[in-house]
Amino acid sequence: MINHDTETLREYEHLLPDQARELADIIGIDKTLALVTKLGGTTFPVAHRRNKIGELRYQLLADVVGDAAADKLTARYGGTKLYIPNCKDALRRVRNMVIVREFDARRAQGETGRDIVFDFAVRYRLADRVLWDIVNKTTADEWDAPACGRKTQLQQCRLFG
């Protein structure tokens, strides 16, 4: 599972698939993230709660997102099948942005790239080669922000690691 920071996810909500953004509009990004984490990649039959099976399905939904959010989803999607996207690509991009942001900040404070990547390898359970690819290839274009001299920083990092 990809680690996610909901504050950063809010900032980059535009990276999420349309269905996930629609869910976030209805129940909020935190509840949507919980739904994606537990049921992402599935089609969930949202019931009207008119019988025992409908009540069980509602309870499953409420266990994941809470009663208030389950009520909102039931009101909006009751009687239909709701596809819950897994958002893996978007969550991976957000994770990579968090990694790059922290990497750049720690390098600016004088830490070595090797020490930072070692820390990230343990924290994110990723190979150091994957992390070097992330910090060397993630660009400002993915952030929808100006380049801010990141290319120069990356060149220095490659030289002085």
C-alpha atoms as a PDB file:
ATOM      1  CA  MET A   1       0.000   0.000   0.000  1.00  0.00           C
ATOM      2  CA  ILE A   2       1.194   3.470  -0.791  1.00  0.00           C
ATOM      3  CA  ASN A   3       1.623   5.832   2.141  1.00  0.00           C
ATOM      4  CA  HIS A   4      -0.391   8.985   1.678  1.00  0.00           C
ATOM      5  CA  ASP A   5      -0.572  12.313   3.340  1.00  0.00           C
ATOM      6  CA  THR A   6      -4.170  13.594   3.179  1.00  0.00           C
ATOM      7  CA  GLU A   7      -3.046  17.230   3.300  1.00  0.00           C
ATOM      8  CA  THR A   8      -0.899  16.674   0.222  1.00  0.00           C
ATOM      9  CA  LEU A   9      -3.694  14.659  -1.383  1.00  0.00           C
ATOM     10  CA  ARG A  10      -6.039  17.607  -0.875  1.00  0.00           C
ATOM     11  CA  GLU A  11      -3.477  19.827  -2.568  1.00  0.00           C
ATOM     12  CA  TYR A  12      -3.240  17.458  -5.541  1.00  0.00           C
ATOM     13  CA  GLU A  13      -6.840  16.243  -5.621  1.00  0.00           C
ATOM     14  CA  HIS A  14      -6.920  17.200  -9.310  1.00  0.00           C
ATOM     15  CA  LEU A  15      -4.711  14.155 -10.007  1.00  0.00           C
ATOM     16  CA  LEU A  16      -7.438  11.764  -8.841  1.00  0.00           C
ATOM     17  CA  PRO A  17      -9.745  10.052 -11.343  1.00  0.00           C
ATOM     18  CA  ASP A  18     -13.103  11.749 -11.952  1.00  0.00           C
ATOM     19  CA  GLN A  19     -15.012   9.155  -9.905  1.00  0.00           C
ATOM     20  CA  ALA A  20     -12.752   9.689  -6.887  1.00  0.00           C
ATOM     21  CA  ARG A  21     -13.152  13.474  -7.135  1.00  0.00           C
ATOM     22  CA  GLU A  22     -16.927  13.026  -7.283  1.00  0.00           C
ATOM     23  CA  LEU A  23     -16.797  10.875  -4.156  1.00  0.00           C
ATOM     24  CA  ALA A  24     -14.590  13.475  -2.441  1.00  0.00           C
ATOM     25  CA  ASP A  25     -17.164  16.164  -3.262  1.00  0.00           C
ATOM     26  CA  ILE A  26     -19.841  14.072  -1.563  1.00  0.00           C
ATOM     27  CA  ILE A  27     -18.041  12.649   1.493  1.00  0.00           C
ATOM     28  CA  GLY A  28     -14.718  14.510   1.679  1.00  0.00           C
ATOM     29  CA  ILE A  29     -11.201  13.496   0.752  1.00  0.00           C
ATOM     30  CA  ASP A  30     -10.442  11.673   4.035  1.00  0.00           C
ATOM     31  CA  LYS A  31     -13.483   9.403   3.739  1.00  0.00           C
ATOM     32  CA  THR A  32     -12.812   8.884   0.035  1.00  0.00           C
ATOM     33  CA  LEU A  33      -9.268   7.822   0.837  1.00  0.00           C
ATOM     34  CA  ALA A  34     -10.607   5.346   3.407  1.00  0.00           C
ATOM     35  CA  LEU A  35     -13.039   3.987   0.816  1.00  0.00           C
ATOM     36  CA  VAL A  36     -10.303   3.691  -1.820  1.00  0.00           C
ATOM     37  CA  THR A  37      -7.953   2.007   0.661  1.00  0.00           C
ATOM     38  CA  LYS A  38     -10.498  -0.623   1.716  1.00  0.00           C
ATOM     39  CA  LEU A  39     -12.619  -1.121  -1.409  1.00  0.00           C
ATOM     40  CA  GLY A  40     -10.659   0.463  -4.256  1.00  0.00           C
ATOM     41  CA  GLY A  41     -10.904  -1.358  -7.574  1.00  0.00           C
ATOM     42  CA  THR A  42     -14.294  -2.882  -6.790  1.00  0.00           C
ATOM     43  CA  THR A  43     -17.847  -2.267  -7.854  1.00  0.00           C
ATOM     44  CA  PHE A  44     -19.892  -1.924  -4.688  1.00  0.00           C
ATOM     45  CA  PRO A  45     -23.675  -2.422  -4.768  1.00  0.00           C
ATOM     46  CA  VAL A  46     -25.065   0.491  -2.756  1.00  0.00           C
ATOM     47  CA  ALA A  47     -28.345  -0.619  -1.232  1.00  0.00           C
ATOM     48  CA  HIS A  48     -31.422   1.318  -0.139  1.00  0.00           C
ATOM     49  CA  ARG A  49     -31.497  -0.494   3.243  1.00  0.00           C
ATOM     50  CA  ARG A  50     -34.919  -2.000   2.507  1.00  0.00           C
ATOM     51  CA  ASN A  51     -34.035  -5.553   3.498  1.00  0.00           C
ATOM     52  CA  LYS A  52     -31.498  -7.558   5.473  1.00  0.00           C
ATOM     53  CA  ILE A  53     -28.965  -7.712   2.624  1.00  0.00           C
ATOM     54  CA  GLY A  54     -29.330  -3.978   2.008  1.00  0.00           C
ATOM     55  CA  GLU A  55     -28.744  -3.295   5.682  1.00  0.00           C
ATOM     56  CA  LEU A  56     -25.644  -5.511   5.700  1.00  0.00           C
ATOM     57  CA  ARG A  57     -24.233  -3.681   2.674  1.00  0.00           C
ATOM     58  CA  TYR A  58     -24.944  -0.357   4.341  1.00  0.00           C
ATOM     59  CA  GLN A  59     -23.163  -1.515   7.508  1.00  0.00           C
ATOM     60  CA  LEU A  60     -20.129  -2.580   5.480  1.00  0.00           C
ATOM     61  CA  LEU A  61     -20.022   0.875   3.918  1.00  0.00           C
ATOM     62  CA  ALA A  62     -20.556   2.572   7.296  1.00  0.00           C
ATOM     63  CA  ASP A  63     -17.729   0.515   8.823  1.00  0.00           C
ATOM     64  CA  VAL A  64     -15.380   1.964   6.203  1.00  0.00           C
ATOM     65  CA  VAL A  65     -16.512   5.616   6.015  1.00  0.00           C
ATOM     66  CA  GLY A  66     -18.781   6.167   9.013  1.00  0.00           C
ATOM     67  CA  ASP A  67     -22.549   6.551   9.269  1.00  0.00           C
ATOM     68  CA  ALA A  68     -22.808  10.136   7.988  1.00  0.00           C
ATOM     69  CA  ALA A  69     -20.779   9.425   4.844  1.00  0.00           C
ATOM     70  CA  ALA A  70     -22.592   6.115   4.301  1.00  0.00           C
ATOM     71  CA  ASP A  71     -25.890   8.003   4.512  1.00  0.00           C
ATOM     72  CA  LYS A  72     -24.693  10.472   1.864  1.00  0.00           C
ATOM     73  CA  LEU A  73     -23.507   7.691  -0.428  1.00  0.00           C
ATOM     74  CA  THR A  74     -26.756   5.786   0.044  1.00  0.00           C
ATOM     75  CA  ALA A  75     -28.787   8.907  -0.756  1.00  0.00           C
ATOM     76  CA  ARG A  76     -26.764   9.557  -3.918  1.00  0.00           C
ATOM     77  CA  TYR A  77     -26.044   6.024  -5.180  1.00  0.00           C
ATOM     78  CA  GLY A  78     -28.668   3.832  -3.461  1.00  0.00           C
ATOM     79  CA  GLY A  79     -29.929   1.104  -5.777  1.00  0.00           C
ATOM     80  CA  THR A  80     -26.909   1.359  -8.088  1.00  0.00           C
ATOM     81  CA  LYS A  81     -23.515  -0.221  -8.358  1.00  0.00           C
ATOM     82  CA  LEU A  82     -20.766   2.227  -7.444  1.00  0.00           C
ATOM     83  CA  TYR A  83     -17.306   1.728  -8.942  1.00  0.00           C
ATOM     84  CA  ILE A  84     -14.657   2.704  -6.416  1.00  0.00           C
ATOM     85  CA  PRO A  85     -11.392   3.448  -8.222  1.00  0.00           C
ATOM     86  CA  ASN A  86      -8.143   2.239  -6.701  1.00  0.00           C
ATOM     87  CA  CYS A  87      -6.369   5.538  -7.559  1.00  0.00           C
ATOM     88  CA  LYS A  88      -2.974   3.799  -7.594  1.00  0.00           C
ATOM     89  CA  ASP A  89      -1.455   6.066 -10.230  1.00  0.00           C
ATOM     90  CA  ALA A  90      -2.622   9.256  -8.532  1.00  0.00           C
ATOM     91  CA  LEU A  91      -1.569   8.066  -5.073  1.00  0.00           C
ATOM     92  CA  ARG A  92       1.825   7.002  -6.409  1.00  0.00           C
ATOM     93  CA  ARG A  93       2.314  10.432  -7.988  1.00  0.00           C
ATOM     94  CA  VAL A  94       1.355  12.146  -4.734  1.00  0.00           C
ATOM     95  CA  ARG A  95       3.733   9.892  -2.795  1.00  0.00           C
ATOM     96  CA  ASN A  96       6.512  10.737  -5.259  1.00  0.00           C
ATOM     97  CA  MET A  97       5.805  14.448  -4.896  1.00  0.00           C
ATOM     98  CA  VAL A  98       5.993  14.148  -1.112  1.00  0.00           C
ATOM     99  CA  ILE A  99       9.305  12.308  -1.447  1.00  0.00           C
ATOM    100  CA  VAL A 100      10.748  14.924  -3.805  1.00  0.00           C
ATOM    101  CA  ARG A 101       9.524  17.817  -1.681  1.00  0.00           C
ATOM    102  CA  GLU A 102      11.093  16.387   1.463  1.00  0.00           C
ATOM    103  CA  PHE A 103      14.254  15.333  -0.382  1.00  0.00           C
ATOM    104  CA  ASP A 104      14.758  18.868  -1.705  1.00  0.00           C
ATOM    105  CA  ALA A 105      14.092  20.437   1.714  1.00  0.00           C
ATOM    106  CA  ARG A 106      16.516  18.110   3.491  1.00  0.00           C
ATOM    107  CA  ARG A 107      19.208  18.606   0.822  1.00  0.00           C
ATOM    108  CA  ALA A 108      18.809  22.367   1.268  1.00  0.00           C
ATOM    109  CA  GLN A 109      19.524  21.841   4.982  1.00  0.00           C
ATOM    110  CA  GLY A 110      22.761  20.057   4.131  1.00  0.00           C
ATOM    111  CA  GLU A 111      21.884  16.369   4.453  1.00  0.00           C
ATOM    112  CA  THR A 112      23.443  14.028   1.936  1.00  0.00           C
ATOM    113  CA  GLY A 113      21.304  12.449  -0.734  1.00  0.00           C
ATOM    114  CA  ARG A 114      22.498   9.004   0.338  1.00  0.00           C
ATOM    115  CA  ASP A 115      21.336   9.516   3.930  1.00  0.00           C
ATOM    116  CA  ILE A 116      17.958  10.829   2.826  1.00  0.00           C
ATOM    117  CA  VAL A 117      17.405   7.974   0.369  1.00  0.00           C
ATOM    118  CA  PHE A 118      18.355   5.438   3.048  1.00  0.00           C
ATOM    119  CA  ASP A 119      15.754   6.989   5.376  1.00  0.00           C
ATOM    120  CA  PHE A 120      13.120   6.922   2.620  1.00  0.00           C
ATOM    121  CA  ALA A 121      13.919   3.302   1.723  1.00  0.00           C
ATOM    122  CA  VAL A 122      13.081   2.271   5.267  1.00  0.00           C
ATOM    123  CA  ARG A 123      10.060   4.571   5.599  1.00  0.00           C
ATOM    124  CA  TYR A 124       8.426   3.833   2.237  1.00  0.00           C
ATOM    125  CA  ARG A 125       9.695   0.263   1.891  1.00  0.00           C
ATOM    126  CA  LEU A 126      11.109   1.040  -1.542  1.00  0.00           C
ATOM    127  CA  ALA A 127      14.454   0.082  -3.046  1.00  0.00           C
ATOM    128  CA  ASP A 128      17.028   2.845  -3.024  1.00  0.00           C
ATOM    129  CA  ARG A 129      17.278   2.627  -6.830  1.00  0.00           C
ATOM    130  CA  VAL A 130      13.550   3.296  -7.099  1.00  0.00           C
ATOM    131  CA  LEU A 131      13.930   6.284  -4.797  1.00  0.00           C
ATOM    132  CA  TRP A 132      16.848   7.674  -6.816  1.00  0.00           C
ATOM    133  CA  ASP A 133      14.667   7.342  -9.925  1.00  0.00           C
ATOM    134  CA  ILE A 134      11.894   9.228  -8.146  1.00  0.00           C
ATOM    135  CA  VAL A 135      14.084  12.119  -7.018  1.00  0.00           C
ATOM    136  CA  ASN A 136      15.923  12.292 -10.340  1.00  0.00           C
ATOM    137  CA  LYS A 137      12.908  11.949 -12.659  1.00  0.00           C
ATOM    138  CA  THR A 138       9.978  13.572 -10.856  1.00  0.00           C
ATOM    139  CA  THR A 139       9.656  16.990 -12.434  1.00  0.00           C
ATOM    140  CA  ALA A 140       7.912  20.228 -11.656  1.00  0.00           C
ATOM    141  CA  ASP A 141       5.482  19.405 -14.477  1.00  0.00           C
ATOM    142  CA  GLU A 142       4.021  16.683 -12.267  1.00  0.00           C
ATOM    143  CA  TRP A 143       3.505  19.266  -9.543  1.00  0.00           C
ATOM    144  CA  ASP A 144       1.802  21.779 -11.858  1.00  0.00           C
ATOM    145  CA  ALA A 145       4.245  24.310 -10.456  1.00  0.00           C
ATOM    146  CA  PRO A 146       7.149  26.360 -11.810  1.00  0.00           C
ATOM    147  CA  ALA A 147      10.458  24.544 -12.097  1.00  0.00           C
ATOM    148  CA  CYS A 148      11.988  26.535  -9.187  1.00  0.00           C
ATOM    149  CA  GLY A 149      15.514  25.580 -10.176  1.00  0.00           C
ATOM    150  CA  ARG A 150      14.940  21.892  -9.446  1.00  0.00           C
ATOM    151  CA  LYS A 151      16.949  20.838 -12.538  1.00  0.00           C
ATOM    152  CA  THR A 152      20.046  22.556 -11.159  1.00  0.00           C
ATOM    153  CA  GLN A 153      19.510  20.927  -7.754  1.00  0.00           C
ATOM    154  CA  LEU A 154      19.196  17.503  -9.369  1.00  0.00           C
ATOM    155  CA  GLN A 155      22.405  18.001 -11.340  1.00  0.00           C
ATOM    156  CA  GLN A 156      24.240  18.912  -8.138  1.00  0.00           C
ATOM    157  CA  CYS A 157      22.730  15.924  -6.331  1.00  0.00           C
ATOM    158  CA  ARG A 158      23.956  13.573  -9.050  1.00  0.00           C
ATOM    159  CA  LEU A 159      27.428  15.043  -8.712  1.00  0.00           C
ATOM    160  CA  PHE A 160      27.644  15.154  -4.941  1.00  0.00           C
ATOM    161  CA  GLY A 161      25.007  12.503  -3.914  1.00  0.00           C
END
